[in-house]
PDB file of N, CA and C in Angstrom:
ATOM      1  N   MET A   1      18.679  -1.091  -7.766  1.00  0.00           N
ATOM      2  CA  MET A   1      17.227  -1.511  -7.602  1.00  0.00           C
ATOM      3  C   MET A   1      16.502  -0.371  -7.031  1.00  0.00           C
ATOM      4  N   LYS A   2      15.249  -0.279  -7.496  1.00  0.00           N
ATOM      5  CA  LYS A   2      14.270   0.774  -7.082  1.00  0.00           C
ATOM      6  C   LYS A   2      13.774   0.388  -5.605  1.00  0.00           C
ATOM      7  N   THR A   3      13.473   1.391  -4.920  1.00  0.00           N
ATOM      8  CA  THR A   3      12.860   1.230  -3.562  1.00  0.00           C
ATOM      9  C   THR A   3      11.550   1.793  -3.604  1.00  0.00           C
ATOM     10  N   MET A   4      10.570   0.929  -3.133  1.00  0.00           N
ATOM     11  CA  MET A   4       9.120   1.429  -3.006  1.00  0.00           C
ATOM     12  C   MET A   4       8.680   1.265  -1.642  1.00  0.00           C
ATOM     13  N   GLN A   5       7.919   2.240  -1.271  1.00  0.00           N
ATOM     14  CA  GLN A   5       7.247   2.244   0.102  1.00  0.00           C
ATOM     15  C   GLN A   5       5.902   2.546  -0.072  1.00  0.00           C
ATOM     16  N   ILE A   6       4.922   1.919   0.653  1.00  0.00           N
ATOM     17  CA  ILE A   6       3.681   2.290   0.854  1.00  0.00           C
ATOM     18  C   ILE A   6       3.342   2.692   2.237  1.00  0.00           C
ATOM     19  N   PHE A   7       2.786   3.728   2.359  1.00  0.00           N
ATOM     20  CA  PHE A   7       2.239   4.352   3.669  1.00  0.00           C
ATOM     21  C   PHE A   7       0.801   4.439   3.778  1.00  0.00           C
ATOM     22  N   GLU A   8       0.194   3.462   4.519  1.00  0.00           N
ATOM     23  CA  GLU A   8      -1.259   3.319   4.456  1.00  0.00           C
ATOM     24  C   GLU A   8      -1.963   3.892   5.675  1.00  0.00           C
ATOM     25  N   PRO A   9      -3.219   4.112   5.506  1.00  0.00           N
ATOM     26  CA  PRO A   9      -3.987   4.671   6.631  1.00  0.00           C
ATOM     27  C   PRO A   9      -4.032   3.708   7.828  1.00  0.00           C
ATOM     28  N   ALA A  10      -4.455   4.218   8.857  1.00  0.00           N
ATOM     29  CA  ALA A  10      -4.670   3.412  10.145  1.00  0.00           C
ATOM     30  C   ALA A  10      -5.777   2.239   9.821  1.00  0.00           C
ATOM     31  N   MET A  11      -5.366   0.998  10.040  1.00  0.00           N
ATOM     32  CA  MET A  11      -6.316  -0.108   9.793  1.00  0.00           C
ATOM     33  C   MET A  11      -6.177  -0.916  11.051  1.00  0.00           C
ATOM     34  N   CYS A  12      -7.243  -1.854  11.133  1.00  0.00           N
ATOM     35  CA  CYS A  12      -7.290  -2.595  12.429  1.00  0.00           C
ATOM     36  C   CYS A  12      -6.271  -3.651  12.518  1.00  0.00           C
ATOM     37  N   CYS A  13      -5.592  -4.017  11.491  1.00  0.00           N
ATOM     38  CA  CYS A  13      -4.485  -4.923  11.617  1.00  0.00           C
ATOM     39  C   CYS A  13      -3.412  -4.506  10.490  1.00  0.00           C
ATOM     40  N   SER A  14      -2.334  -5.015  10.404  1.00  0.00           N
ATOM     41  CA  SER A  14      -1.190  -4.665   9.533  1.00  0.00           C
ATOM     42  C   SER A  14      -1.438  -4.682   8.084  1.00  0.00           C
ATOM     43  N   THR A  15      -2.439  -5.490   7.646  1.00  0.00           N
ATOM     44  CA  THR A  15      -2.870  -5.628   6.257  1.00  0.00           C
ATOM     45  C   THR A  15      -4.258  -5.071   5.980  1.00  0.00           C
ATOM     46  N   GLY A  16      -5.066  -5.021   6.902  1.00  0.00           N
ATOM     47  CA  GLY A  16      -6.316  -4.573   6.774  1.00  0.00           C
ATOM     48  C   GLY A  16      -7.218  -5.762   6.318  1.00  0.00           C
ATOM     49  N   LEU A  17      -6.711  -7.043   6.273  1.00  0.00           N
ATOM     50  CA  LEU A  17      -7.382  -8.257   5.903  1.00  0.00           C
ATOM     51  C   LEU A  17      -7.978  -8.897   7.172  1.00  0.00           C
ATOM     52  N   CYS A  18      -8.964  -8.311   7.754  1.00  0.00           N
ATOM     53  CA  CYS A  18      -9.492  -8.863   9.010  1.00  0.00           C
ATOM     54  C   CYS A  18     -11.099  -8.723   8.841  1.00  0.00           C
ATOM     55  N   GLY A  19     -11.646  -9.336   9.821  1.00  0.00           N
ATOM     56  CA  GLY A  19     -13.122  -9.287   9.945  1.00  0.00           C
ATOM     57  C   GLY A  19     -13.831 -10.111   9.003  1.00  0.00           C
ATOM     58  N   ALA A  20     -15.105 -10.020   9.033  1.00  0.00           N
ATOM     59  CA  ALA A  20     -16.013 -10.939   8.288  1.00  0.00           C
ATOM     60  C   ALA A  20     -15.944 -10.472   6.757  1.00  0.00           C
ATOM     61  N   THR A  21     -15.769  -9.259   6.444  1.00  0.00           N
ATOM     62  CA  THR A  21     -15.697  -8.841   4.999  1.00  0.00           C
ATOM     63  C   THR A  21     -14.220  -8.235   4.746  1.00  0.00           C
ATOM     64  N   VAL A  22     -13.694  -8.685   3.739  1.00  0.00           N
ATOM     65  CA  VAL A  22     -12.417  -8.332   3.426  1.00  0.00           C
ATOM     66  C   VAL A  22     -12.530  -7.396   2.159  1.00  0.00           C
ATOM     67  N   ASP A  23     -11.801  -6.204   2.234  1.00  0.00           N
ATOM     68  CA  ASP A  23     -11.779  -5.278   1.280  1.00  0.00           C
ATOM     69  C   ASP A  23     -10.960  -5.879  -0.026  1.00  0.00           C
ATOM     70  N   PRO A  24     -11.521  -6.118  -1.114  1.00  0.00           N
ATOM     71  CA  PRO A  24     -10.801  -6.780  -2.259  1.00  0.00           C
ATOM     72  C   PRO A  24      -9.513  -5.974  -2.610  1.00  0.00           C
ATOM     73  N   GLU A  25      -9.564  -4.576  -2.483  1.00  0.00           N
ATOM     74  CA  GLU A  25      -8.251  -3.942  -2.903  1.00  0.00           C
ATOM     75  C   GLU A  25      -7.193  -4.243  -1.909  1.00  0.00           C
ATOM     76  N   LEU A  26      -7.399  -4.327  -0.636  1.00  0.00           N
ATOM     77  CA  LEU A  26      -6.366  -4.760   0.248  1.00  0.00           C
ATOM     78  C   LEU A  26      -5.965  -6.114   0.054  1.00  0.00           C
ATOM     79  N   LEU A  27      -6.794  -6.952  -0.316  1.00  0.00           N
ATOM     80  CA  LEU A  27      -6.428  -8.374  -0.819  1.00  0.00           C
ATOM     81  C   LEU A  27      -5.549  -8.439  -1.874  1.00  0.00           C
ATOM     82  N   ARG A  28      -5.902  -7.585  -2.996  1.00  0.00           N
ATOM     83  CA  ARG A  28      -5.065  -7.417  -4.195  1.00  0.00           C
ATOM     84  C   ARG A  28      -3.674  -6.945  -3.792  1.00  0.00           C
ATOM     85  N   ILE A  29      -3.736  -5.970  -2.971  1.00  0.00           N
ATOM     86  CA  ILE A  29      -2.322  -5.452  -2.780  1.00  0.00           C
ATOM     87  C   ILE A  29      -1.320  -6.372  -1.821  1.00  0.00           C
ATOM     88  N   SER A  30      -2.007  -7.146  -0.920  1.00  0.00           N
ATOM     89  CA  SER A  30      -1.302  -8.090  -0.331  1.00  0.00           C
ATOM     90  C   SER A  30      -0.716  -9.208  -1.203  1.00  0.00           C
ATOM     91  N   THR A  31      -1.608  -9.606  -2.133  1.00  0.00           N
ATOM     92  CA  THR A  31      -1.300 -10.649  -3.055  1.00  0.00           C
ATOM     93  C   THR A  31      -0.190 -10.164  -4.019  1.00  0.00           C
ATOM     94  N   VAL A  32      -0.241  -9.004  -4.507  1.00  0.00           N
ATOM     95  CA  VAL A  32       0.824  -8.351  -5.306  1.00  0.00           C
ATOM     96  C   VAL A  32       2.192  -8.380  -4.428  1.00  0.00           C
ATOM     97  N   LEU A  33       2.090  -7.869  -3.319  1.00  0.00           N
ATOM     98  CA  LEU A  33       3.322  -7.816  -2.505  1.00  0.00           C
ATOM     99  C   LEU A  33       4.037  -9.106  -2.118  1.00  0.00           C
ATOM    100  N   ASP A  34       2.993 -10.190  -1.976  1.00  0.00           N
ATOM    101  CA  ASP A  34       3.587 -11.543  -1.837  1.00  0.00           C
ATOM    102  C   ASP A  34       4.323 -11.991  -3.075  1.00  0.00           C
ATOM    103  N   ILE A  35       3.647 -11.762  -4.142  1.00  0.00           N
ATOM    104  CA  ILE A  35       4.276 -12.325  -5.381  1.00  0.00           C
ATOM    105  C   ILE A  35       5.642 -11.489  -5.524  1.00  0.00           C
ATOM    106  N   LEU A  36       5.644 -10.276  -5.334  1.00  0.00           N
ATOM    107  CA  LEU A  36       6.941  -9.457  -5.514  1.00  0.00           C
ATOM    108  C   LEU A  36       7.972 -10.050  -4.479  1.00  0.00           C
ATOM    109  N   LYS A  37       7.687 -10.368  -3.339  1.00  0.00           N
ATOM    110  CA  LYS A  37       8.636 -10.937  -2.332  1.00  0.00           C
ATOM    111  C   LYS A  37       9.157 -12.183  -2.803  1.00  0.00           C
ATOM    112  N   LYS A  38       8.239 -12.958  -3.337  1.00  0.00           N
ATOM    113  CA  LYS A  38       8.720 -14.366  -3.916  1.00  0.00           C
ATOM    114  C   LYS A  38       9.790 -14.149  -4.986  1.00  0.00           C
ATOM    115  N   HIS A  39       9.615 -12.996  -5.690  1.00  0.00           N
ATOM    116  CA  HIS A  39      10.599 -12.779  -6.715  1.00  0.00           C
ATOM    117  C   HIS A  39      11.798 -11.658  -6.272  1.00  0.00           C
ATOM    118  N   THR A  40      12.019 -11.833  -4.945  1.00  0.00           N
ATOM    119  CA  THR A  40      13.092 -10.993  -4.284  1.00  0.00           C
ATOM    120  C   THR A  40      12.846  -9.502  -4.518  1.00  0.00           C
ATOM    121  N   ILE A  41      11.702  -9.075  -4.694  1.00  0.00           N
ATOM    122  CA  ILE A  41      11.403  -7.659  -4.935  1.00  0.00           C
ATOM    123  C   ILE A  41      10.710  -7.065  -3.650  1.00  0.00           C
ATOM    124  N   SER A  42      11.370  -6.291  -2.907  1.00  0.00           N
ATOM    125  CA  SER A  42      10.912  -5.857  -1.702  1.00  0.00           C
ATOM    126  C   SER A  42      10.143  -4.433  -1.708  1.00  0.00           C
ATOM    127  N   VAL A  43       8.835  -4.419  -1.178  1.00  0.00           N
ATOM    128  CA  VAL A  43       8.217  -3.131  -1.183  1.00  0.00           C
ATOM    129  C   VAL A  43       7.709  -3.160   0.260  1.00  0.00           C
ATOM    130  N   GLU A  44       8.268  -2.017   1.032  1.00  0.00           N
ATOM    131  CA  GLU A  44       7.977  -1.897   2.401  1.00  0.00           C
ATOM    132  C   GLU A  44       6.494  -1.273   2.394  1.00  0.00           C
ATOM    133  N   ARG A  45       5.931  -1.745   3.552  1.00  0.00           N
ATOM    134  CA  ARG A  45       4.582  -1.314   3.730  1.00  0.00           C
ATOM    135  C   ARG A  45       4.340  -1.011   5.229  1.00  0.00           C
ATOM    136  N   TYR A  46       3.749   0.344   5.359  1.00  0.00           N
ATOM    137  CA  TYR A  46       3.675   0.823   6.649  1.00  0.00           C
ATOM    138  C   TYR A  46       2.146   1.230   6.995  1.00  0.00           C
ATOM    139  N   ASN A  47       1.678   0.823   8.088  1.00  0.00           N
ATOM    140  CA  ASN A  47       0.308   1.157   8.516  1.00  0.00           C
ATOM    141  C   ASN A  47       0.364   2.177   9.645  1.00  0.00           C
ATOM    142  N   LEU A  48      -0.414   3.167   9.519  1.00  0.00           N
ATOM    143  CA  LEU A  48      -0.205   4.444  10.426  1.00  0.00           C
ATOM    144  C   LEU A  48      -0.606   3.836  11.874  1.00  0.00           C
ATOM    145  N   ALA A  49      -1.431   2.897  12.045  1.00  0.00           N
ATOM    146  CA  ALA A  49      -1.882   2.440  13.495  1.00  0.00           C
ATOM    147  C   ALA A  49      -0.728   1.612  14.032  1.00  0.00           C
ATOM    148  N   SER A  50      -0.246   0.690  13.220  1.00  0.00           N
ATOM    149  CA  SER A  50       0.985  -0.283  13.806  1.00  0.00           C
ATOM    150  C   SER A  50       2.310   0.105  13.740  1.00  0.00           C
ATOM    151  N   THR A  51       2.576   1.084  12.814  1.00  0.00           N
ATOM    152  CA  THR A  51       4.040   1.627  12.606  1.00  0.00           C
ATOM    153  C   THR A  51       4.060   3.110  12.564  1.00  0.00           C
ATOM    154  N   PRO A  52       3.450   3.767  13.454  1.00  0.00           N
ATOM    155  CA  PRO A  52       3.458   5.233  13.358  1.00  0.00           C
ATOM    156  C   PRO A  52       4.922   5.953  13.362  1.00  0.00           C
ATOM    157  N   MET A  53       5.792   5.378  13.864  1.00  0.00           N
ATOM    158  CA  MET A  53       7.174   5.950  13.823  1.00  0.00           C
ATOM    159  C   MET A  53       7.765   6.040  12.479  1.00  0.00           C
ATOM    160  N   ALA A  54       7.333   5.012  11.639  1.00  0.00           N
ATOM    161  CA  ALA A  54       7.753   5.093  10.129  1.00  0.00           C
ATOM    162  C   ALA A  54       7.363   6.287   9.445  1.00  0.00           C
ATOM    163  N   PHE A  55       6.172   6.843   9.979  1.00  0.00           N
ATOM    164  CA  PHE A  55       5.430   8.081   9.424  1.00  0.00           C
ATOM    165  C   PHE A  55       6.137   9.371   9.883  1.00  0.00           C
ATOM    166  N   ILE A  56       6.436   9.248  11.190  1.00  0.00           N
ATOM    167  CA  ILE A  56       7.152  10.449  11.854  1.00  0.00           C
ATOM    168  C   ILE A  56       8.607  10.531  11.427  1.00  0.00           C
ATOM    169  N   ASN A  57       9.342   9.308  11.300  1.00  0.00           N
ATOM    170  CA  ASN A  57      10.730   9.521  10.981  1.00  0.00           C
ATOM    171  C   ASN A  57      11.028   9.732   9.447  1.00  0.00           C
ATOM    172  N   ASN A  58      10.014   9.559   8.594  1.00  0.00           N
ATOM    173  CA  ASN A  58      10.218   9.785   7.227  1.00  0.00           C
ATOM    174  C   ASN A  58       9.886  11.281   6.897  1.00  0.00           C
ATOM    175  N   LYS A  59      10.793  12.201   6.694  1.00  0.00           N
ATOM    176  CA  LYS A  59      10.425  13.615   6.461  1.00  0.00           C
ATOM    177  C   LYS A  59       9.449  13.805   5.289  1.00  0.00           C
ATOM    178  N   ILE A  60       9.514  12.997   4.265  1.00  0.00           N
ATOM    179  CA  ILE A  60       8.568  13.204   3.156  1.00  0.00           C
ATOM    180  C   ILE A  60       7.236  12.952   3.740  1.00  0.00           C
ATOM    181  N   ILE A  61       6.933  11.922   4.268  1.00  0.00           N
ATOM    182  CA  ILE A  61       5.631  11.470   4.747  1.00  0.00           C
ATOM    183  C   ILE A  61       5.154  12.350   5.781  1.00  0.00           C
ATOM    184  N   SER A  62       5.984  12.745   6.713  1.00  0.00           N
ATOM    185  CA  SER A  62       5.645  13.618   7.818  1.00  0.00           C
ATOM    186  C   SER A  62       5.065  14.945   7.353  1.00  0.00           C
ATOM    187  N   LYS A  63       5.833  15.527   6.343  1.00  0.00           N
ATOM    188  CA  LYS A  63       5.470  16.729   5.722  1.00  0.00           C
ATOM    189  C   LYS A  63       4.058  16.551   4.938  1.00  0.00           C
ATOM    190  N   PHE A  64       4.074  15.433   4.270  1.00  0.00           N
ATOM    191  CA  PHE A  64       2.766  15.130   3.456  1.00  0.00           C
ATOM    192  C   PHE A  64       1.437  15.045   4.507  1.00  0.00           C
ATOM    193  N   LEU A  65       1.682  14.327   5.632  1.00  0.00           N
ATOM    194  CA  LEU A  65       0.644  14.248   6.615  1.00  0.00           C
ATOM    195  C   LEU A  65       0.164  15.674   7.192  1.00  0.00           C
ATOM    196  N   PHE A  66       1.272  16.364   7.554  1.00  0.00           N
ATOM    197  CA  PHE A  66       1.031  17.691   8.052  1.00  0.00           C
ATOM    198  C   PHE A  66       0.223  18.537   7.122  1.00  0.00           C
ATOM    199  N   ASP A  67       0.666  18.492   5.753  1.00  0.00           N
ATOM    200  CA  ASP A  67       0.043  19.365   4.738  1.00  0.00           C
ATOM    201  C   ASP A  67      -1.446  18.910   4.287  1.00  0.00           C
ATOM    202  N   LYS A  68      -1.503  17.459   4.121  1.00  0.00           N
ATOM    203  CA  LYS A  68      -2.651  16.928   3.518  1.00  0.00           C
ATOM    204  C   LYS A  68      -3.714  16.149   4.454  1.00  0.00           C
ATOM    205  N   GLY A  69      -2.987  15.520   5.445  1.00  0.00           N
ATOM    206  CA  GLY A  69      -3.794  14.932   6.545  1.00  0.00           C
ATOM    207  C   GLY A  69      -3.905  13.416   6.287  1.00  0.00           C
ATOM    208  N   PRO A  70      -4.319  12.627   7.215  1.00  0.00           N
ATOM    209  CA  PRO A  70      -4.357  11.176   6.949  1.00  0.00           C
ATOM    210  C   PRO A  70      -5.425  10.646   5.944  1.00  0.00           C
ATOM    211  N   ASP A  71      -6.456  11.555   5.662  1.00  0.00           N
ATOM    212  CA  ASP A  71      -7.477  11.104   4.678  1.00  0.00           C
ATOM    213  C   ASP A  71      -6.892  11.078   3.368  1.00  0.00           C
ATOM    214  N   SER A  72      -5.636  11.535   3.140  1.00  0.00           N
ATOM    215  CA  SER A  72      -5.114  11.451   1.765  1.00  0.00           C
ATOM    216  C   SER A  72      -4.112  10.215   1.609  1.00  0.00           C
ATOM    217  N   LEU A  73      -3.970   9.314   2.608  1.00  0.00           N
ATOM    218  CA  LEU A  73      -3.422   8.088   2.484  1.00  0.00           C
ATOM    219  C   LEU A  73      -4.162   7.059   1.702  1.00  0.00           C
ATOM    220  N   PRO A  74      -3.578   6.155   1.068  1.00  0.00           N
ATOM    221  CA  PRO A  74      -2.112   5.791   1.037  1.00  0.00           C
ATOM    222  C   PRO A  74      -1.362   6.663   0.194  1.00  0.00           C
ATOM    223  N   VAL A  75       0.063   6.600   0.435  1.00  0.00           N
ATOM    224  CA  VAL A  75       1.125   7.349  -0.171  1.00  0.00           C
ATOM    225  C   VAL A  75       2.062   6.310  -0.618  1.00  0.00           C
ATOM    226  N   VAL A  76       2.420   6.443  -1.934  1.00  0.00           N
ATOM    227  CA  VAL A  76       3.444   5.531  -2.465  1.00  0.00           C
ATOM    228  C   VAL A  76       4.715   6.320  -2.762  1.00  0.00           C
ATOM    229  N   LEU A  77       5.846   5.964  -2.181  1.00  0.00           N
ATOM    230  CA  LEU A  77       7.184   6.520  -2.541  1.00  0.00           C
ATOM    231  C   LEU A  77       7.827   5.626  -3.429  1.00  0.00           C
ATOM    232  N   LEU A  78       8.514   6.118  -4.454  1.00  0.00           N
ATOM    233  CA  LEU A  78       9.455   5.391  -5.214  1.00  0.00           C
ATOM    234  C   LEU A  78      10.858   6.212  -5.188  1.00  0.00           C
ATOM    235  N   ASP A  79      11.752   5.483  -4.667  1.00  0.00           N
ATOM    236  CA  ASP A  79      13.152   6.156  -4.555  1.00  0.00           C
ATOM    237  C   ASP A  79      13.047   7.442  -3.854  1.00  0.00           C
ATOM    238  N   ASP A  80      12.269   7.467  -2.716  1.00  0.00           N
ATOM    239  CA  ASP A  80      12.030   8.665  -1.889  1.00  0.00           C
ATOM    240  C   ASP A  80      11.292   9.792  -2.522  1.00  0.00           C
ATOM    241  N   LYS A  81      10.466   9.519  -3.524  1.00  0.00           N
ATOM    242  CA  LYS A  81       9.696  10.586  -4.220  1.00  0.00           C
ATOM    243  C   LYS A  81       8.228  10.109  -4.182  1.00  0.00           C
ATOM    244  N   ILE A  82       7.379  10.976  -3.870  1.00  0.00           N
ATOM    245  CA  ILE A  82       5.942  10.663  -3.868  1.00  0.00           C
ATOM    246  C   ILE A  82       5.486  10.449  -5.393  1.00  0.00           C
ATOM    247  N   ILE A  83       4.983   9.239  -5.671  1.00  0.00           N
ATOM    248  CA  ILE A  83       4.518   9.102  -7.006  1.00  0.00           C
ATOM    249  C   ILE A  83       2.892   8.797  -7.024  1.00  0.00           C
ATOM    250  N   LEU A  84       2.399   8.576  -5.954  1.00  0.00           N
ATOM    251  CA  LEU A  84       0.888   8.235  -5.925  1.00  0.00           C
ATOM    252  C   LEU A  84       0.374   8.636  -4.554  1.00  0.00           C
ATOM    253  N   THR A  85      -0.814   9.093  -4.527  1.00  0.00           N
ATOM    254  CA  THR A  85      -1.546   9.481  -3.215  1.00  0.00           C
ATOM    255  C   THR A  85      -3.054   9.114  -3.531  1.00  0.00           C
ATOM    256  N   GLY A  86      -3.567   8.685  -2.333  1.00  0.00           N
ATOM    257  CA  GLY A  86      -5.013   8.455  -2.238  1.00  0.00           C
ATOM    258  C   GLY A  86      -5.503   7.128  -2.794  1.00  0.00           C
ATOM    259  N   ARG A  87      -4.673   6.360  -3.397  1.00  0.00           N
ATOM    260  CA  ARG A  87      -5.026   5.031  -3.709  1.00  0.00           C
ATOM    261  C   ARG A  87      -3.842   4.169  -3.912  1.00  0.00           C
ATOM    262  N   TYR A  88      -3.954   2.781  -4.086  1.00  0.00           N
ATOM    263  CA  TYR A  88      -2.983   1.806  -4.266  1.00  0.00           C
ATOM    264  C   TYR A  88      -2.522   1.815  -5.645  1.00  0.00           C
ATOM    265  N   PRO A  89      -1.365   1.491  -5.943  1.00  0.00           N
ATOM    266  CA  PRO A  89      -1.019   1.320  -7.471  1.00  0.00           C
ATOM    267  C   PRO A  89      -1.705   0.249  -8.158  1.00  0.00           C
ATOM    268  N   ALA A  90      -2.032   0.478  -9.409  1.00  0.00           N
ATOM    269  CA  ALA A  90      -2.667  -0.614 -10.238  1.00  0.00           C
ATOM    270  C   ALA A  90      -1.510  -1.602 -10.531  1.00  0.00           C
ATOM    271  N   ASN A  91      -1.831  -2.763 -11.050  1.00  0.00           N
ATOM    272  CA  ASN A  91      -0.843  -3.766 -11.322  1.00  0.00           C
ATOM    273  C   ASN A  91       0.150  -3.378 -12.424  1.00  0.00           C
ATOM    274  N   ALA A  92      -0.473  -2.552 -13.429  1.00  0.00           N
ATOM    275  CA  ALA A  92       0.336  -2.041 -14.562  1.00  0.00           C
ATOM    276  C   ALA A  92       1.361  -1.009 -13.881  1.00  0.00           C
ATOM    277  N   GLU A  93       0.926  -0.225 -12.927  1.00  0.00           N
ATOM    278  CA  GLU A  93       1.774   0.735 -12.308  1.00  0.00           C
ATOM    279  C   GLU A  93       2.940   0.044 -11.664  1.00  0.00           C
ATOM    280  N   PHE A  94       2.695  -1.019 -10.791  1.00  0.00           N
ATOM    281  CA  PHE A  94       3.793  -1.713 -10.158  1.00  0.00           C
ATOM    282  C   PHE A  94       4.776  -2.164 -11.288  1.00  0.00           C
ATOM    283  N   ILE A  95       4.291  -2.821 -12.415  1.00  0.00           N
ATOM    284  CA  ILE A  95       5.129  -3.343 -13.516  1.00  0.00           C
ATOM    285  C   ILE A  95       6.040  -2.169 -13.996  1.00  0.00           C
ATOM    286  N   LYS A  96       5.408  -1.172 -14.355  1.00  0.00           N
ATOM    287  CA  LYS A  96       6.094  -0.012 -14.969  1.00  0.00           C
ATOM    288  C   LYS A  96       7.151   0.611 -13.990  1.00  0.00           C
ATOM    289  N   TRP A  97       6.757   1.032 -12.755  1.00  0.00           N
ATOM    290  CA  TRP A  97       7.563   1.762 -11.940  1.00  0.00           C
ATOM    291  C   TRP A  97       8.761   0.822 -11.379  1.00  0.00           C
ATOM    292  N   LEU A  98       8.496  -0.447 -11.179  1.00  0.00           N
ATOM    293  CA  LEU A  98       9.546  -1.361 -10.744  1.00  0.00           C
ATOM    294  C   LEU A  98      10.175  -2.121 -11.822  1.00  0.00           C
ATOM    295  N   ASP A  99      10.012  -1.781 -12.966  1.00  0.00           N
ATOM    296  CA  ASP A  99      10.672  -2.487 -14.180  1.00  0.00           C
ATOM    297  C   ASP A  99      10.465  -3.994 -14.119  1.00  0.00           C
ATOM    298  N   LEU A 100       9.225  -4.449 -13.991  1.00  0.00           N
ATOM    299  CA  LEU A 100       8.967  -5.849 -13.776  1.00  0.00           C
ATOM    300  C   LEU A 100       8.584  -6.618 -15.165  1.00  0.00           C
ATOM    301  N   PRO A 101       8.778  -7.797 -15.365  1.00  0.00           N
ATOM    302  CA  PRO A 101       8.211  -8.481 -16.402  1.00  0.00           C
ATOM    303  C   PRO A 101       6.692  -8.194 -16.586  1.00  0.00           C
ATOM    304  N   ALA A 102       6.326  -7.945 -17.800  1.00  0.00           N
ATOM    305  CA  ALA A 102       4.812  -7.452 -18.107  1.00  0.00           C
ATOM    306  C   ALA A 102       3.793  -8.607 -17.678  1.00  0.00           C
ATOM    307  N   ASP A 103       4.081  -9.782 -17.638  1.00  0.00           N
ATOM    308  CA  ASP A 103       3.092 -10.765 -17.192  1.00  0.00           C
ATOM    309  C   ASP A 103       3.273 -11.234 -15.688  1.00  0.00           C
ATOM    310  N   LEU A 104       4.109 -10.492 -14.939  1.00  0.00           N
ATOM    311  CA  LEU A 104       4.283 -11.066 -13.463  1.00  0.00           C
ATOM    312  C   LEU A 104       2.963 -10.897 -12.656  1.00  0.00           C
ATOM    313  N   LEU A 105       2.223  -9.944 -12.883  1.00  0.00           N
ATOM    314  CA  LEU A 105       0.972  -9.805 -12.095  1.00  0.00           C
ATOM    315  C   LEU A 105      -0.337  -9.981 -12.923  1.00  0.00           C
ATOM    316  N   ASN A 106      -0.260 -10.736 -13.963  1.00  0.00           N
ATOM    317  CA  ASN A 106      -1.415 -10.943 -14.861  1.00  0.00           C
ATOM    318  C   ASN A 106      -2.562 -11.595 -14.170  1.00  0.00           C
ATOM    319  N   LYS A 107      -2.198 -12.484 -13.254  1.00  0.00           N
ATOM    320  CA  LYS A 107      -3.282 -13.416 -12.681  1.00  0.00           C
ATOM    321  C   LYS A 107      -4.095 -12.637 -11.464  1.00  0.00           C
ATOM    322  N   ILE A 108      -3.683 -11.458 -11.231  1.00  0.00           N
ATOM    323  CA  ILE A 108      -4.304 -10.767 -10.089  1.00  0.00           C
ATOM    324  C   ILE A 108      -5.260  -9.951 -10.565  1.00  0.00           C
ATOM    325  N   THR A 109      -6.445 -10.023 -10.268  1.00  0.00           N
ATOM    326  CA  THR A 109      -7.671  -9.186 -10.606  1.00  0.00           C
ATOM    327  C   THR A 109      -7.736  -7.911  -9.892  1.00  0.00           C
ATOM    328  N   GLU A 110      -7.866  -6.829 -10.602  1.00  0.00           N
ATOM    329  CA  GLU A 110      -8.130  -5.576  -9.839  1.00  0.00           C
ATOM    330  C   GLU A 110      -9.532  -5.327  -9.666  1.00  0.00           C
ATOM    331  N   LYS A 111      -9.752  -4.912  -8.332  1.00  0.00           N
ATOM    332  CA  LYS A 111     -11.161  -4.472  -8.072  1.00  0.00           C
ATOM    333  C   LYS A 111     -11.273  -3.086  -7.736  1.00  0.00           C
ATOM    334  N   PRO A 112     -12.526  -2.390  -7.777  1.00  0.00           N
ATOM    335  CA  PRO A 112     -12.536  -1.041  -7.271  1.00  0.00           C
ATOM    336  C   PRO A 112     -12.269  -1.030  -5.777  1.00  0.00           C
ATOM    337  N   GLN A 113     -11.605   0.107  -5.445  1.00  0.00           N
ATOM    338  CA  GLN A 113     -11.161   0.274  -4.016  1.00  0.00           C
ATOM    339  C   GLN A 113     -12.364   0.629  -3.094  1.00  0.00           C
ATOM    340  N   ASN A 114     -12.312  -0.060  -1.899  1.00  0.00           N
ATOM    341  CA  ASN A 114     -13.283   0.214  -0.830  1.00  0.00           C
ATOM    342  C   ASN A 114     -12.499   0.429   0.414  1.00  0.00           C
ATOM    343  N   ASN A 115     -12.652   1.532   0.928  1.00  0.00           N
ATOM    344  CA  ASN A 115     -11.751   2.015   2.062  1.00  0.00           C
ATOM    345  C   ASN A 115     -12.328   1.511   3.484  1.00  0.00           C
ATOM    346  N   ASP A 116     -13.274   0.797   3.578  1.00  0.00           N
ATOM    347  CA  ASP A 116     -13.996   0.393   4.853  1.00  0.00           C
ATOM    348  C   ASP A 116     -13.425  -0.919   5.184  1.00  0.00           C
ATOM    349  N   CYS A 117     -12.267  -0.964   5.778  1.00  0.00           N
ATOM    350  CA  CYS A 117     -11.660  -2.349   6.059  1.00  0.00           C
ATOM    351  C   CYS A 117     -12.337  -2.773   7.417  1.00  0.00           C
ATOM    352  N   CYS A 118     -12.898  -2.130   8.224  1.00  0.00           N
ATOM    353  CA  CYS A 118     -13.256  -2.732   9.649  1.00  0.00           C
ATOM    354  C   CYS A 118     -14.828  -2.993   9.737  1.00  0.00           C
ATOM    355  N   THR A 119     -15.465  -3.079   8.568  1.00  0.00           N
ATOM    356  CA  THR A 119     -16.887  -3.428   8.689  1.00  0.00           C
ATOM    357  C   THR A 119     -17.232  -4.804   9.201  1.00  0.00           C
ATOM    358  N   GLY A 120     -16.153  -5.655   9.147  1.00  0.00           N
ATOM    359  CA  GLY A 120     -16.279  -6.922   9.758  1.00  0.00           C
ATOM    360  C   GLY A 120     -16.310  -7.120  11.169  1.00  0.00           C
ATOM    361  N   GLY A 121     -16.135  -5.968  11.848  1.00  0.00           N
ATOM    362  CA  GLY A 121     -16.084  -5.988  13.340  1.00  0.00           C
ATOM    363  C   GLY A 121     -14.817  -6.261  14.076  1.00  0.00           C
ATOM    364  N   CYS A 122     -13.636  -5.942  13.216  1.00  0.00           N
ATOM    365  CA  CYS A 122     -12.420  -6.322  13.861  1.00  0.00           C
ATOM    366  C   CYS A 122     -11.848  -5.039  14.626  1.00  0.00           C
ATOM    367  N   CYS A 123     -12.540  -3.998  14.537  1.00  0.00           N
ATOM    368  CA  CYS A 123     -12.047  -2.680  15.398  1.00  0.00           C
ATOM    369  C   CYS A 123     -12.763  -2.640  16.650  1.00  0.00           C
TER     370      CYS A 123
END
């Protein structure tokens, strides 16, 4: 089974789903990961603010942050290889990279990314 990890920028809570306004991209990612979990597909998700040791202990991510800085997050690893930086995977990318059934994520709408998770006053 493939192993996927998502290393996210620092957010005011573990998922970024806080405050009066919710970033639709973070909502989509949370929904995708919930669906995958229900199908026993685990994707590890790390937030720089709440799990900084995961960034330090992972040599690939530690080097990436040293070279590129935290503004380049999120970073997606698949089997310990960087496959995506600067954005979250599209639904089709999850399907392809994790060898999932094509219709598994059909009902989840993709929205343009908005990186301002804390506009709702949660910070």
